[in-house]
Amino acid sequence: MKRRNISLQFLLYILMLLLLIATFGCSYNKNLVDTTPVIHNTAALNKSPLKAALYIPESTRNYTQPTDASRVCIAMHIKGKFGQIFAGTVIGTLKQVFDDLTVVTQPVASGYDILVEAELQEYIYKAGCAASPESYGIVKGNMWVLNGNGQEIWRSKETSKRLSFTSSWEKLVPESMASLVGTWAQELSSQSQISQLRNQPRNNPPSSAETKARNPDFEKLRELKKLKDEGLLTNEEYEQKRKAIVDGI
């Protein structure tokens, strides 16, 4: 009789535990250490011949703390290098959009036709369990473009993408990022302001020889040398005048 009571109590304990799990959720831990980016296919877009620089801030690259929107689970922990996955997605996609893309460490537009900046603002996930089976991931971010003078000429309209969980977090996280970045690539390639830059001549900086040729001081030195060669100035006079010009440069 006593054994029967113990067995019954154990059975009730198991049933209560299962009821709690069904009601409040389950424990889930996932570390996306080896997750790789998904590169959006931009083969249908016209590749731009512009010389583009891409800047991704450190705050984005170092983003590792996503927002847990789960409400019914006891413990939900999904972590990983979200920022690096995002950066890899942006770089891989834009390399298909531009013939010449350079990743830079400072947001400086000079020396390039355009500067593209991209940032990951937040990644939100919900890991559903028995009481709420729906799971999803939401990526939020921005992309904008500056011209060679540092003026903003375009900013993305789309700032977030949500994908429902289908198979694994290793697939969902990079796929949601690729969906948003792919939308940016389509918006970017269709902008008239950027298209117009393709037909504008590049402003190449003048060479040192051209700079010297246009400098009035160098012109004076040439005239001075000519006067000396023609015998109109003594060596002493030439050196005095030459020194005065050089000291003033």
Protein backbone atom coordinates (compact mmCIF):
# COMPACT_ATOMS: atom_id res chain seq x y z
CA MET A 1 0.00 0.00 0.00
CA LYS A 2 2.83 2.35 0.88
CA ARG A 3 4.63 1.60 -2.39
CA ARG A 4 1.44 2.31 -4.28
CA ASN A 5 1.12 5.70 -2.58
CA ILE A 6 4.75 6.54 -3.47
CA SER A 7 4.19 5.53 -7.09
CA LEU A 8 1.03 7.58 -7.20
CA GLN A 9 2.78 10.61 -5.74
CA PHE A 10 5.62 10.24 -8.25
CA LEU A 11 3.13 9.99 -11.08
CA LEU A 12 1.33 13.09 -9.87
CA TYR A 13 4.67 14.91 -9.65
CA ILE A 14 5.48 13.98 -13.26
CA LEU A 15 2.04 15.08 -14.42
CA MET A 16 2.39 18.42 -12.62
CA LEU A 17 5.83 18.95 -14.15
CA LEU A 18 4.52 18.24 -17.63
CA LEU A 19 1.61 20.58 -16.96
CA LEU A 20 4.00 23.36 -15.92
CA ILE A 21 6.12 22.85 -19.04
CA ALA A 22 3.03 22.91 -21.25
CA THR A 23 1.74 26.03 -19.52
CA PHE A 24 4.87 28.11 -19.05
CA GLY A 25 7.18 26.78 -21.72
CA CYS A 26 10.55 25.13 -21.89
CA SER A 27 14.20 25.87 -21.48
CA TYR A 28 16.19 26.67 -24.62
CA ASN A 29 19.80 27.63 -25.16
CA LYS A 30 21.48 28.24 -28.51
CA ASN A 31 24.90 29.67 -29.32
CA LEU A 32 25.28 30.69 -32.98
CA VAL A 33 29.08 30.50 -32.92
CA ASP A 34 29.53 28.89 -36.35
CA THR A 35 26.67 30.64 -38.13
CA THR A 36 27.70 32.10 -41.50
CA PRO A 37 26.05 34.94 -43.44
CA VAL A 38 23.60 34.34 -46.26
CA ILE A 39 24.52 36.46 -49.30
CA HIS A 40 21.57 37.85 -51.21
CA ASN A 41 21.70 37.10 -54.94
CA THR A 42 21.74 40.40 -56.86
CA ALA A 43 22.31 38.91 -60.33
CA ALA A 44 19.14 40.57 -61.63
CA LEU A 45 20.41 44.06 -60.66
CA ASN A 46 22.61 46.26 -62.81
CA LYS A 47 26.09 46.31 -61.34
CA SER A 48 27.30 49.84 -60.67
CA PRO A 49 30.71 51.01 -61.93
CA LEU A 50 30.98 53.53 -59.09
CA LYS A 51 33.95 53.51 -56.73
CA ALA A 52 32.21 52.86 -53.42
CA ALA A 53 33.40 52.76 -49.82
CA LEU A 54 31.51 50.79 -47.17
CA TYR A 55 31.58 51.69 -43.48
CA ILE A 56 30.06 49.48 -40.77
CA PRO A 57 30.44 50.94 -37.26
CA GLU A 58 32.09 48.98 -34.46
CA SER A 59 28.86 49.09 -32.45
CA THR A 60 27.28 46.98 -35.18
CA ARG A 61 30.21 44.59 -35.59
CA ASN A 62 30.31 43.99 -31.81
CA TYR A 63 26.55 43.41 -31.42
CA THR A 64 26.03 40.12 -29.54
CA GLN A 65 23.03 40.76 -27.27
CA PRO A 66 19.73 40.25 -29.13
CA THR A 67 16.39 41.12 -27.54
CA ASP A 68 14.36 38.19 -26.18
CA ALA A 69 10.66 38.77 -26.86
CA SER A 70 9.61 35.38 -25.40
CA ARG A 71 6.88 35.68 -22.80
CA VAL A 72 5.90 32.12 -21.92
CA CYS A 73 9.17 30.22 -21.68
CA ILE A 74 11.09 29.62 -18.49
CA ALA A 75 14.51 30.25 -20.06
CA MET A 76 15.30 31.33 -23.61
CA HIS A 77 18.90 32.17 -24.47
CA ILE A 78 19.99 32.66 -28.08
CA LYS A 79 23.38 34.32 -28.42
CA GLY A 80 26.09 34.71 -31.01
CA LYS A 81 28.04 37.19 -33.11
CA PHE A 82 24.97 38.81 -34.63
CA GLY A 83 26.88 41.92 -35.67
CA GLN A 84 29.53 39.97 -37.56
CA ILE A 85 26.87 37.92 -39.34
CA PHE A 86 25.18 41.17 -40.35
CA ALA A 87 28.45 42.76 -41.52
CA GLY A 88 29.30 39.72 -43.61
CA THR A 89 25.84 39.83 -45.19
CA VAL A 90 26.20 43.50 -46.13
CA ILE A 91 29.75 43.15 -47.50
CA GLY A 92 28.97 40.05 -49.54
CA THR A 93 25.81 41.56 -51.02
CA LEU A 94 27.26 44.98 -51.90
CA LYS A 95 30.28 43.39 -53.57
CA GLN A 96 27.77 42.15 -56.11
CA VAL A 97 26.24 45.62 -56.49
CA PHE A 98 29.45 47.62 -57.11
CA ASP A 99 32.40 46.86 -59.38
CA ASP A 100 34.73 48.56 -56.90
CA LEU A 101 33.87 48.26 -53.19
CA THR A 102 36.30 49.03 -50.37
CA VAL A 103 35.51 48.37 -46.71
CA VAL A 104 36.81 51.34 -44.68
CA THR A 105 37.37 51.84 -40.96
CA GLN A 106 36.34 55.52 -40.89
CA PRO A 107 33.18 57.13 -42.35
CA VAL A 108 35.07 59.35 -44.80
CA ALA A 109 33.64 59.91 -48.29
CA SER A 110 36.59 61.73 -49.86
CA GLY A 111 38.43 59.69 -52.46
CA TYR A 112 35.34 57.70 -53.41
CA ASP A 113 32.30 58.33 -55.58
CA ILE A 114 30.01 57.35 -52.70
CA LEU A 115 30.22 56.19 -49.10
CA VAL A 116 27.71 53.54 -48.01
CA GLU A 117 27.01 53.18 -44.29
CA ALA A 118 25.08 50.29 -42.74
CA GLU A 119 24.17 49.59 -39.14
CA LEU A 120 22.40 46.88 -37.17
CA GLN A 121 20.17 48.49 -34.58
CA GLU A 122 18.58 45.44 -32.97
CA TYR A 123 17.78 41.78 -33.44
CA ILE A 124 14.61 40.56 -31.73
CA TYR A 125 13.74 36.90 -31.35
CA LYS A 126 10.87 34.93 -29.91
CA ALA A 127 11.41 31.27 -29.17
CA GLY A 128 8.00 29.67 -28.75
CA CYS A 129 7.31 26.52 -26.77
CA ALA A 130 4.35 24.28 -26.04
CA ALA A 131 2.08 27.04 -24.79
CA SER A 132 3.06 29.40 -27.66
CA PRO A 133 4.62 27.53 -30.58
CA GLU A 134 5.21 30.53 -32.87
CA SER A 135 8.88 31.55 -33.15
CA TYR A 136 10.32 34.39 -35.21
CA GLY A 137 13.27 36.70 -35.72
CA ILE A 138 13.17 40.43 -36.48
CA VAL A 139 16.22 42.32 -37.74
CA LYS A 140 16.25 46.12 -37.51
CA GLY A 141 18.77 48.41 -39.17
CA ASN A 142 19.54 51.23 -41.58
CA MET A 143 21.57 51.91 -44.69
CA TRP A 144 22.36 55.29 -46.26
CA VAL A 145 24.67 56.77 -48.89
CA LEU A 146 26.83 59.91 -48.92
CA ASN A 147 28.34 61.46 -52.04
CA GLY A 148 31.99 62.46 -52.38
CA ASN A 149 31.27 65.75 -50.58
CA GLY A 150 29.81 64.00 -47.54
CA GLN A 151 26.17 64.89 -48.34
CA GLU A 152 23.49 62.26 -47.77
CA ILE A 153 21.80 61.39 -51.07
CA TRP A 154 19.84 58.29 -50.09
CA ARG A 155 18.50 56.48 -47.03
CA SER A 156 16.70 53.15 -46.94
CA LYS A 157 12.94 53.10 -46.53
CA GLU A 158 12.90 49.52 -45.27
CA THR A 159 14.26 49.32 -41.73
CA SER A 160 13.15 45.89 -40.48
CA LYS A 161 12.35 42.36 -41.61
CA ARG A 162 10.55 39.58 -39.78
CA LEU A 163 10.83 35.89 -40.63
CA SER A 164 9.01 33.02 -38.94
CA PHE A 165 10.97 30.12 -37.52
CA THR A 166 11.00 27.12 -39.85
CA SER A 167 13.97 24.86 -39.15
CA SER A 168 16.79 26.26 -37.00
CA TRP A 169 18.12 29.52 -35.55
CA GLU A 170 21.36 29.00 -37.49
CA LYS A 171 19.32 29.46 -40.67
CA LEU A 172 16.70 31.93 -39.44
CA VAL A 173 19.11 34.61 -38.16
CA PRO A 174 21.23 35.00 -41.35
CA GLU A 175 18.21 34.56 -43.64
CA SER A 176 16.33 37.39 -41.92
CA MET A 177 19.40 39.61 -42.26
CA ALA A 178 19.81 38.68 -45.94
CA SER A 179 16.16 39.55 -46.54
CA LEU A 180 16.63 43.10 -45.21
CA VAL A 181 20.01 43.68 -46.88
CA GLY A 182 18.63 42.35 -50.17
CA THR A 183 15.84 44.93 -50.01
CA TRP A 184 18.44 47.65 -49.44
CA ALA A 185 20.41 46.47 -52.48
CA GLN A 186 17.30 46.71 -54.67
CA GLU A 187 16.44 50.18 -53.35
CA LEU A 188 20.03 51.33 -53.76
CA SER A 189 20.43 50.18 -57.35
CA SER A 190 17.24 51.96 -58.43
CA GLN A 191 18.06 55.42 -57.03
CA SER A 192 18.25 58.15 -59.66
CA GLN A 193 20.64 60.26 -57.53
CA ILE A 194 23.15 57.42 -57.54
CA SER A 195 22.56 56.57 -61.20
CA GLN A 196 23.43 60.14 -62.17
CA LEU A 197 26.84 59.83 -60.51
CA ARG A 198 27.76 57.08 -62.98
CA ASN A 199 27.88 59.54 -65.85
CA GLN A 200 29.76 62.29 -64.06
CA PRO A 201 33.50 62.62 -64.71
CA ARG A 202 35.73 61.64 -61.82
CA ASN A 203 37.43 64.52 -60.05
CA ASN A 204 40.99 63.27 -60.04
CA PRO A 205 43.36 65.28 -57.82
CA PRO A 206 46.01 67.22 -59.77
CA SER A 207 49.46 65.71 -59.99
CA SER A 208 52.43 67.32 -58.24
CA ALA A 209 53.78 68.42 -61.64
CA GLU A 210 50.48 70.14 -62.48
CA THR A 211 50.43 71.82 -59.08
CA LYS A 212 53.93 73.19 -59.60
CA ALA A 213 53.07 74.39 -63.11
CA ARG A 214 50.15 76.45 -61.79
CA ASN A 215 52.02 77.88 -58.79
CA PRO A 216 53.06 81.55 -59.38
CA ASP A 217 56.16 81.13 -57.19
CA PHE A 218 57.48 78.36 -59.40
CA GLU A 219 56.78 80.59 -62.40
CA LYS A 220 58.91 83.35 -60.82
CA LEU A 221 61.76 80.89 -60.27
CA ARG A 222 61.67 79.87 -63.92
CA GLU A 223 61.80 83.51 -65.04
CA LEU A 224 64.62 84.19 -62.63
CA LYS A 225 66.63 81.28 -63.98
CA LYS A 226 66.04 82.53 -67.51
CA LEU A 227 67.40 85.99 -66.63
CA LYS A 228 70.51 84.45 -65.09
CA ASP A 229 71.09 82.22 -68.13
CA GLU A 230 70.80 85.28 -70.41
CA GLY A 231 73.46 87.11 -68.34
CA LEU A 232 71.08 89.76 -67.05
CA LEU A 233 71.69 88.73 -63.44
CA THR A 234 74.93 87.93 -61.64
CA ASN A 235 75.21 84.72 -59.66
CA GLU A 236 75.02 86.71 -56.43
CA GLU A 237 71.88 88.59 -57.54
CA TYR A 238 70.28 85.35 -58.73
CA GLU A 239 70.91 83.57 -55.42
CA GLN A 240 69.57 86.48 -53.39
CA LYS A 241 66.34 86.71 -55.41
CA ARG A 242 65.91 82.92 -55.56
CA LYS A 243 66.30 82.67 -51.78
CA ALA A 244 63.67 85.38 -51.25
CA ILE A 245 61.15 83.49 -53.41
CA VAL A 246 61.87 80.09 -51.87
CA ASP A 247 61.57 81.46 -48.33
CA GLY A 248 58.16 82.85 -49.21
CA ILE A 249 56.76 79.58 -50.56
